[in-house]
């Protein structure tokens, strides 16, 4: 995550994270909507190729291991 652009504005940071998720899932209409919001806040949207990297691992939640014994 060190490659992500840093910003002091928490709204811009949240929009950039949201945009990255939409790019990963191929939701171009939503990417465009987030880009519009970024522009309204004075931030230039990143290039799509720079946002989506093949080397990034998928972010999936895993189930916690059960700590109780089953009878």
PDB file of N, CA and C in Angstrom:
ATOM      1  N   UNK A   1       0.797  -1.183   0.000  1.00  0.00           N
ATOM      2  CA  UNK A   1       0.000   0.000   0.000  1.00  0.00           C
ATOM      3  C   UNK A   1       0.849   1.261   0.000  1.00  0.00           C
ATOM      4  N   UNK A   2       2.133   1.108   0.055  1.00  0.00           N
ATOM      5  CA  UNK A   2       3.013   2.260   0.046  1.00  0.00           C
ATOM      6  C   UNK A   2       2.982   2.970  -1.299  1.00  0.00           C
ATOM      7  N   UNK A   3       2.521   2.282  -2.362  1.00  0.00           N
ATOM      8  CA  UNK A   3       2.461   2.878  -3.685  1.00  0.00           C
ATOM      9  C   UNK A   3       1.256   3.797  -3.853  1.00  0.00           C
ATOM     10  N   UNK A   4       0.281   3.731  -2.946  1.00  0.00           N
ATOM     11  CA  UNK A   4      -0.914   4.545  -3.064  1.00  0.00           C
ATOM     12  C   UNK A   4      -0.576   6.001  -2.784  1.00  0.00           C
ATOM     13  N   UNK A   5      -1.207   6.918  -3.542  1.00  0.00           N
ATOM     14  CA  UNK A   5      -0.959   8.329  -3.272  1.00  0.00           C
ATOM     15  C   UNK A   5      -1.481   8.713  -1.895  1.00  0.00           C
ATOM     16  N   UNK A   6      -0.719   9.527  -1.207  1.00  0.00           N
ATOM     17  CA  UNK A   6      -1.095   9.956   0.134  1.00  0.00           C
ATOM     18  C   UNK A   6      -1.822  11.295   0.036  1.00  0.00           C
ATOM     19  N   UNK A   7      -2.821  11.478   0.866  1.00  0.00           N
ATOM     20  CA  UNK A   7      -3.562  12.729   0.901  1.00  0.00           C
ATOM     21  C   UNK A   7      -3.924  13.055   2.339  1.00  0.00           C
ATOM     22  N   UNK A   8      -4.054  14.322   2.620  1.00  0.00           N
ATOM     23  CA  UNK A   8      -4.449  14.768   3.953  1.00  0.00           C
ATOM     24  C   UNK A   8      -5.968  14.762   4.105  1.00  0.00           C
ATOM     25  N   UNK A   9      -6.691  14.782   2.986  1.00  0.00           N
ATOM     26  CA  UNK A   9      -8.152  14.839   3.013  1.00  0.00           C
ATOM     27  C   UNK A   9      -8.719  13.427   3.162  1.00  0.00           C
ATOM     28  N   UNK A  10      -9.393  13.136   4.272  1.00  0.00           N
ATOM     29  CA  UNK A  10      -9.921  11.779   4.471  1.00  0.00           C
ATOM     30  C   UNK A  10     -10.984  11.397   3.443  1.00  0.00           C
ATOM     31  N   UNK A  11     -11.741  12.374   2.930  1.00  0.00           N
ATOM     32  CA  UNK A  11     -12.758  12.071   1.918  1.00  0.00           C
ATOM     33  C   UNK A  11     -12.098  11.630   0.614  1.00  0.00           C
ATOM     34  N   UNK A  12     -11.034  12.313   0.213  1.00  0.00           N
ATOM     35  CA  UNK A  12     -10.313  11.932  -1.005  1.00  0.00           C
ATOM     36  C   UNK A  12      -9.690  10.555  -0.824  1.00  0.00           C
ATOM     37  N   UNK A  13      -9.129  10.288   0.341  1.00  0.00           N
ATOM     38  CA  UNK A  13      -8.536   8.973   0.607  1.00  0.00           C
ATOM     39  C   UNK A  13      -9.594   7.879   0.510  1.00  0.00           C
ATOM     40  N   UNK A  14     -10.773   8.132   1.055  1.00  0.00           N
ATOM     41  CA  UNK A  14     -11.857   7.146   0.990  1.00  0.00           C
ATOM     42  C   UNK A  14     -12.323   6.944  -0.445  1.00  0.00           C
ATOM     43  N   UNK A  15     -12.419   8.024  -1.199  1.00  0.00           N
ATOM     44  CA  UNK A  15     -12.828   7.911  -2.600  1.00  0.00           C
ATOM     45  C   UNK A  15     -11.803   7.126  -3.414  1.00  0.00           C
ATOM     46  N   UNK A  16     -10.521   7.322  -3.129  1.00  0.00           N
ATOM     47  CA  UNK A  16      -9.483   6.582  -3.851  1.00  0.00           C
ATOM     48  C   UNK A  16      -9.561   5.085  -3.548  1.00  0.00           C
ATOM     49  N   UNK A  17      -9.839   4.728  -2.293  1.00  0.00           N
ATOM     50  CA  UNK A  17     -10.002   3.308  -1.944  1.00  0.00           C
ATOM     51  C   UNK A  17     -11.242   2.725  -2.617  1.00  0.00           C
ATOM     52  N   UNK A  18     -12.319   3.497  -2.601  1.00  0.00           N
ATOM     53  CA  UNK A  18     -13.557   3.053  -3.243  1.00  0.00           C
ATOM     54  C   UNK A  18     -13.338   2.853  -4.740  1.00  0.00           C
ATOM     55  N   UNK A  19     -12.635   3.796  -5.360  1.00  0.00           N
ATOM     56  CA  UNK A  19     -12.361   3.732  -6.796  1.00  0.00           C
ATOM     57  C   UNK A  19     -11.537   2.495  -7.143  1.00  0.00           C
ATOM     58  N   UNK A  20     -10.533   2.202  -6.321  1.00  0.00           N
ATOM     59  CA  UNK A  20      -9.683   1.033  -6.568  1.00  0.00           C
ATOM     60  C   UNK A  20     -10.510  -0.251  -6.553  1.00  0.00           C
ATOM     61  N   UNK A  21     -11.473  -0.342  -5.647  1.00  0.00           N
ATOM     62  CA  UNK A  21     -12.342  -1.520  -5.596  1.00  0.00           C
ATOM     63  C   UNK A  21     -13.203  -1.644  -6.836  1.00  0.00           C
ATOM     64  N   UNK A  22     -13.726  -0.516  -7.311  1.00  0.00           N
ATOM     65  CA  UNK A  22     -14.554  -0.546  -8.517  1.00  0.00           C
ATOM     66  C   UNK A  22     -13.731  -0.916  -9.745  1.00  0.00           C
ATOM     67  N   UNK A  23     -12.503  -0.410  -9.818  1.00  0.00           N
ATOM     68  CA  UNK A  23     -11.625  -0.748 -10.947  1.00  0.00           C
ATOM     69  C   UNK A  23     -11.336  -2.244 -10.939  1.00  0.00           C
ATOM     70  N   UNK A  24     -11.059  -2.795  -9.761  1.00  0.00           N
ATOM     71  CA  UNK A  24     -10.764  -4.223  -9.642  1.00  0.00           C
ATOM     72  C   UNK A  24     -11.921  -5.080 -10.124  1.00  0.00           C
ATOM     73  N   UNK A  25     -13.146  -4.632  -9.844  1.00  0.00           N
ATOM     74  CA  UNK A  25     -14.329  -5.405 -10.226  1.00  0.00           C
ATOM     75  C   UNK A  25     -14.853  -5.050 -11.606  1.00  0.00           C
ATOM     76  N   UNK A  26     -14.233  -4.074 -12.265  1.00  0.00           N
ATOM     77  CA  UNK A  26     -14.636  -3.718 -13.619  1.00  0.00           C
ATOM     78  C   UNK A  26     -15.922  -2.908 -13.697  1.00  0.00           C
ATOM     79  N   UNK A  27     -16.245  -2.154 -12.662  1.00  0.00           N
ATOM     80  CA  UNK A  27     -17.468  -1.346 -12.634  1.00  0.00           C
ATOM     81  C   UNK A  27     -17.155   0.068 -13.139  1.00  0.00           C
ATOM     82  N   UNK A  28     -17.039   0.192 -14.468  1.00  0.00           N
ATOM     83  CA  UNK A  28     -16.606   1.444 -15.080  1.00  0.00           C
ATOM     84  C   UNK A  28     -17.537   2.617 -14.800  1.00  0.00           C
ATOM     85  N   UNK A  29     -18.850   2.363 -14.727  1.00  0.00           N
ATOM     86  CA  UNK A  29     -19.783   3.460 -14.465  1.00  0.00           C
ATOM     87  C   UNK A  29     -19.570   4.041 -13.069  1.00  0.00           C
ATOM     88  N   UNK A  30     -19.269   3.185 -12.124  1.00  0.00           N
ATOM     89  CA  UNK A  30     -19.023   3.667 -10.757  1.00  0.00           C
ATOM     90  C   UNK A  30     -17.662   4.346 -10.644  1.00  0.00           C
ATOM     91  N   UNK A  31     -16.678   3.850 -11.408  1.00  0.00           N
ATOM     92  CA  UNK A  31     -15.367   4.508 -11.431  1.00  0.00           C
ATOM     93  C   UNK A  31     -15.539   5.940 -11.926  1.00  0.00           C
ATOM     94  N   UNK A  32     -16.353   6.107 -12.970  1.00  0.00           N
ATOM     95  CA  UNK A  32     -16.591   7.442 -13.522  1.00  0.00           C
ATOM     96  C   UNK A  32     -17.271   8.349 -12.496  1.00  0.00           C
ATOM     97  N   UNK A  33     -18.202   7.801 -11.729  1.00  0.00           N
ATOM     98  CA  UNK A  33     -18.887   8.593 -10.702  1.00  0.00           C
ATOM     99  C   UNK A  33     -17.915   9.030  -9.608  1.00  0.00           C
ATOM    100  N   UNK A  34     -17.026   8.132  -9.207  1.00  0.00           N
ATOM    101  CA  UNK A  34     -16.032   8.479  -8.183  1.00  0.00           C
ATOM    102  C   UNK A  34     -15.043   9.496  -8.745  1.00  0.00           C
ATOM    103  N   UNK A  35     -14.648   9.338 -10.008  1.00  0.00           N
ATOM    104  CA  UNK A  35     -13.749  10.306 -10.643  1.00  0.00           C
ATOM    105  C   UNK A  35     -14.359  11.707 -10.629  1.00  0.00           C
ATOM    106  N   UNK A  36     -15.662  11.774 -10.869  1.00  0.00           N
ATOM    107  CA  UNK A  36     -16.354  13.063 -10.844  1.00  0.00           C
ATOM    108  C   UNK A  36     -16.273  13.699  -9.455  1.00  0.00           C
ATOM    109  N   UNK A  37     -16.463  12.890  -8.422  1.00  0.00           N
ATOM    110  CA  UNK A  37     -16.376  13.403  -7.052  1.00  0.00           C
ATOM    111  C   UNK A  37     -14.948  13.837  -6.706  1.00  0.00           C
ATOM    112  N   UNK A  38     -13.966  13.080  -7.201  1.00  0.00           N
ATOM    113  CA  UNK A  38     -12.571  13.467  -6.964  1.00  0.00           C
ATOM    114  C   UNK A  38     -12.264  14.811  -7.621  1.00  0.00           C
ATOM    115  N   UNK A  39     -12.766  15.008  -8.842  1.00  0.00           N
ATOM    116  CA  UNK A  39     -12.538  16.274  -9.546  1.00  0.00           C
ATOM    117  C   UNK A  39     -13.191  17.431  -8.802  1.00  0.00           C
ATOM    118  N   UNK A  40     -14.386  17.205  -8.259  1.00  0.00           N
ATOM    119  CA  UNK A  40     -15.067  18.257  -7.499  1.00  0.00           C
ATOM    120  C   UNK A  40     -14.267  18.665  -6.265  1.00  0.00           C
ATOM    121  N   UNK A  41     -13.466  17.747  -5.751  1.00  0.00           N
ATOM    122  CA  UNK A  41     -12.648  18.031  -4.569  1.00  0.00           C
ATOM    123  C   UNK A  41     -11.232  18.470  -4.939  1.00  0.00           C
ATOM    124  N   UNK A  42     -11.002  18.716  -6.238  1.00  0.00           N
ATOM    125  CA  UNK A  42      -9.716  19.226  -6.685  1.00  0.00           C
ATOM    126  C   UNK A  42      -8.620  18.188  -6.800  1.00  0.00           C
ATOM    127  N   UNK A  43      -8.989  16.912  -6.887  1.00  0.00           N
ATOM    128  CA  UNK A  43      -8.002  15.834  -6.991  1.00  0.00           C
ATOM    129  C   UNK A  43      -8.098  15.204  -8.373  1.00  0.00           C
ATOM    130  N   UNK A  44      -6.966  15.023  -9.030  1.00  0.00           N
ATOM    131  CA  UNK A  44      -6.943  14.378 -10.336  1.00  0.00           C
ATOM    132  C   UNK A  44      -7.010  12.872 -10.147  1.00  0.00           C
ATOM    133  N   UNK A  45      -8.005  12.209 -10.765  1.00  0.00           N
ATOM    134  CA  UNK A  45      -8.113  10.751 -10.619  1.00  0.00           C
ATOM    135  C   UNK A  45      -6.880  10.051 -11.183  1.00  0.00           C
ATOM    136  N   UNK A  46      -6.444   8.967 -10.540  1.00  0.00           N
ATOM    137  CA  UNK A  46      -5.279   8.230 -11.040  1.00  0.00           C
ATOM    138  C   UNK A  46      -5.608   7.482 -12.323  1.00  0.00           C
ATOM    139  N   UNK A  47      -4.575   7.120 -13.055  1.00  0.00           N
ATOM    140  CA  UNK A  47      -4.723   6.314 -14.263  1.00  0.00           C
ATOM    141  C   UNK A  47      -5.223   4.929 -13.872  1.00  0.00           C
ATOM    142  N   UNK A  48      -6.159   4.368 -14.638  1.00  0.00           N
ATOM    143  CA  UNK A  48      -6.718   3.057 -14.299  1.00  0.00           C
ATOM    144  C   UNK A  48      -5.655   1.969 -14.293  1.00  0.00           C
ATOM    145  N   UNK A  49      -4.701   2.034 -15.210  1.00  0.00           N
ATOM    146  CA  UNK A  49      -3.656   1.009 -15.262  1.00  0.00           C
ATOM    147  C   UNK A  49      -2.786   1.050 -14.008  1.00  0.00           C
ATOM    148  N   UNK A  50      -2.585   2.233 -13.459  1.00  0.00           N
ATOM    149  CA  UNK A  50      -1.775   2.355 -12.246  1.00  0.00           C
ATOM    150  C   UNK A  50      -2.553   1.903 -11.015  1.00  0.00           C
ATOM    151  N   UNK A  51      -3.881   1.992 -11.082  1.00  0.00           N
ATOM    152  CA  UNK A  51      -4.706   1.624  -9.932  1.00  0.00           C
ATOM    153  C   UNK A  51      -4.798   0.119  -9.765  1.00  0.00           C
ATOM    154  N   UNK A  52      -4.952  -0.597 -10.861  1.00  0.00           N
ATOM    155  CA  UNK A  52      -5.132  -2.045 -10.803  1.00  0.00           C
ATOM    156  C   UNK A  52      -3.800  -2.723 -11.099  1.00  0.00           C
ATOM    157  N   UNK A  53      -3.296  -3.449 -10.122  1.00  0.00           N
ATOM    158  CA  UNK A  53      -2.034  -4.163 -10.297  1.00  0.00           C
ATOM    159  C   UNK A  53      -2.284  -5.642 -10.144  1.00  0.00           C
ATOM    160  N   UNK A  54      -1.707  -6.409 -11.042  1.00  0.00           N
ATOM    161  CA  UNK A  54      -1.870  -7.863 -11.006  1.00  0.00           C
ATOM    162  C   UNK A  54      -1.219  -8.472  -9.765  1.00  0.00           C
ATOM    163  N   UNK A  55      -0.226  -7.793  -9.194  1.00  0.00           N
ATOM    164  CA  UNK A  55       0.513  -8.370  -8.076  1.00  0.00           C
ATOM    165  C   UNK A  55      -0.185  -8.176  -6.734  1.00  0.00           C
ATOM    166  N   UNK A  56      -1.190  -7.328  -6.685  1.00  0.00           N
ATOM    167  CA  UNK A  56      -1.903  -7.114  -5.427  1.00  0.00           C
ATOM    168  C   UNK A  56      -2.731  -8.347  -5.086  1.00  0.00           C
ATOM    169  N   UNK A  57      -2.620  -8.852  -3.874  1.00  0.00           N
ATOM    170  CA  UNK A  57      -3.422 -10.016  -3.489  1.00  0.00           C
ATOM    171  C   UNK A  57      -4.878  -9.614  -3.311  1.00  0.00           C
ATOM    172  N   UNK A  58      -5.800 -10.529  -3.558  1.00  0.00           N
ATOM    173  CA  UNK A  58      -7.201 -10.199  -3.331  1.00  0.00           C
ATOM    174  C   UNK A  58      -7.449  -9.975  -1.844  1.00  0.00           C
ATOM    175  N   UNK A  59      -8.314  -9.053  -1.550  1.00  0.00           N
ATOM    176  CA  UNK A  59      -8.625  -8.755  -0.149  1.00  0.00           C
ATOM    177  C   UNK A  59      -9.929  -9.446   0.195  1.00  0.00           C
ATOM    178  N   UNK A  60      -9.802 -10.575   0.851  1.00  0.00           N
ATOM    179  CA  UNK A  60     -10.974 -11.358   1.220  1.00  0.00           C
ATOM    180  C   UNK A  60     -10.975 -11.582   2.718  1.00  0.00           C
ATOM    181  N   UNK A  61     -12.158 -11.585   3.264  1.00  0.00           N
ATOM    182  CA  UNK A  61     -12.285 -11.895   4.685  1.00  0.00           C
ATOM    183  C   UNK A  61     -12.247 -13.402   4.846  1.00  0.00           C
ATOM    184  N   UNK A  62     -11.618 -13.840   5.894  1.00  0.00           N
ATOM    185  CA  UNK A  62     -11.584 -15.268   6.188  1.00  0.00           C
ATOM    186  C   UNK A  62     -12.379 -15.525   7.446  1.00  0.00           C
ATOM    187  N   UNK A  63     -12.926 -16.711   7.534  1.00  0.00           N
ATOM    188  CA  UNK A  63     -13.688 -17.069   8.722  1.00  0.00           C
ATOM    189  C   UNK A  63     -12.738 -17.321   9.882  1.00  0.00           C
ATOM    190  N   UNK A  64     -13.098 -16.822  11.047  1.00  0.00           N
ATOM    191  CA  UNK A  64     -12.253 -17.106  12.214  1.00  0.00           C
ATOM    192  C   UNK A  64     -12.362 -18.575  12.586  1.00  0.00           C
ATOM    193  N   UNK A  65     -11.266 -19.117  13.074  1.00  0.00           N
ATOM    194  CA  UNK A  65     -11.267 -20.517  13.490  1.00  0.00           C
ATOM    195  C   UNK A  65     -12.063 -20.661  14.774  1.00  0.00           C
ATOM    196  N   UNK A  66     -12.825 -21.715  14.842  1.00  0.00           N
ATOM    197  CA  UNK A  66     -13.643 -21.963  16.022  1.00  0.00           C
ATOM    198  C   UNK A  66     -12.751 -22.373  17.187  1.00  0.00           C
ATOM    199  N   UNK A  67     -13.026 -21.809  18.342  1.00  0.00           N
ATOM    200  CA  UNK A  67     -12.231 -22.138  19.527  1.00  0.00           C
ATOM    201  C   UNK A  67     -12.965 -23.095  20.454  1.00  0.00           C
ATOM    202  N   UNK A  68     -14.180 -23.455  20.085  1.00  0.00           N
ATOM    203  CA  UNK A  68     -14.949 -24.386  20.919  1.00  0.00           C
ATOM    204  C   UNK A  68     -14.857 -25.786  20.349  1.00  0.00           C
ATOM    205  N   UNK A  69     -14.828 -26.763  21.220  1.00  0.00           N
ATOM    206  CA  UNK A  69     -14.758 -28.163  20.795  1.00  0.00           C
ATOM    207  C   UNK A  69     -16.162 -28.660  20.472  1.00  0.00           C
ATOM    208  N   UNK A  70     -16.255 -29.421  19.397  1.00  0.00           N
ATOM    209  CA  UNK A  70     -17.548 -29.990  19.015  1.00  0.00           C
ATOM    210  C   UNK A  70     -17.657 -31.401  19.569  1.00  0.00           C
ATOM    211  N   UNK A  71     -18.820 -31.741  20.107  1.00  0.00           N
ATOM    212  CA  UNK A  71     -19.036 -33.079  20.673  1.00  0.00           C
ATOM    213  C   UNK A  71     -19.559 -34.019  19.627  1.00  0.00           C
TER     214      UNK A  71
END
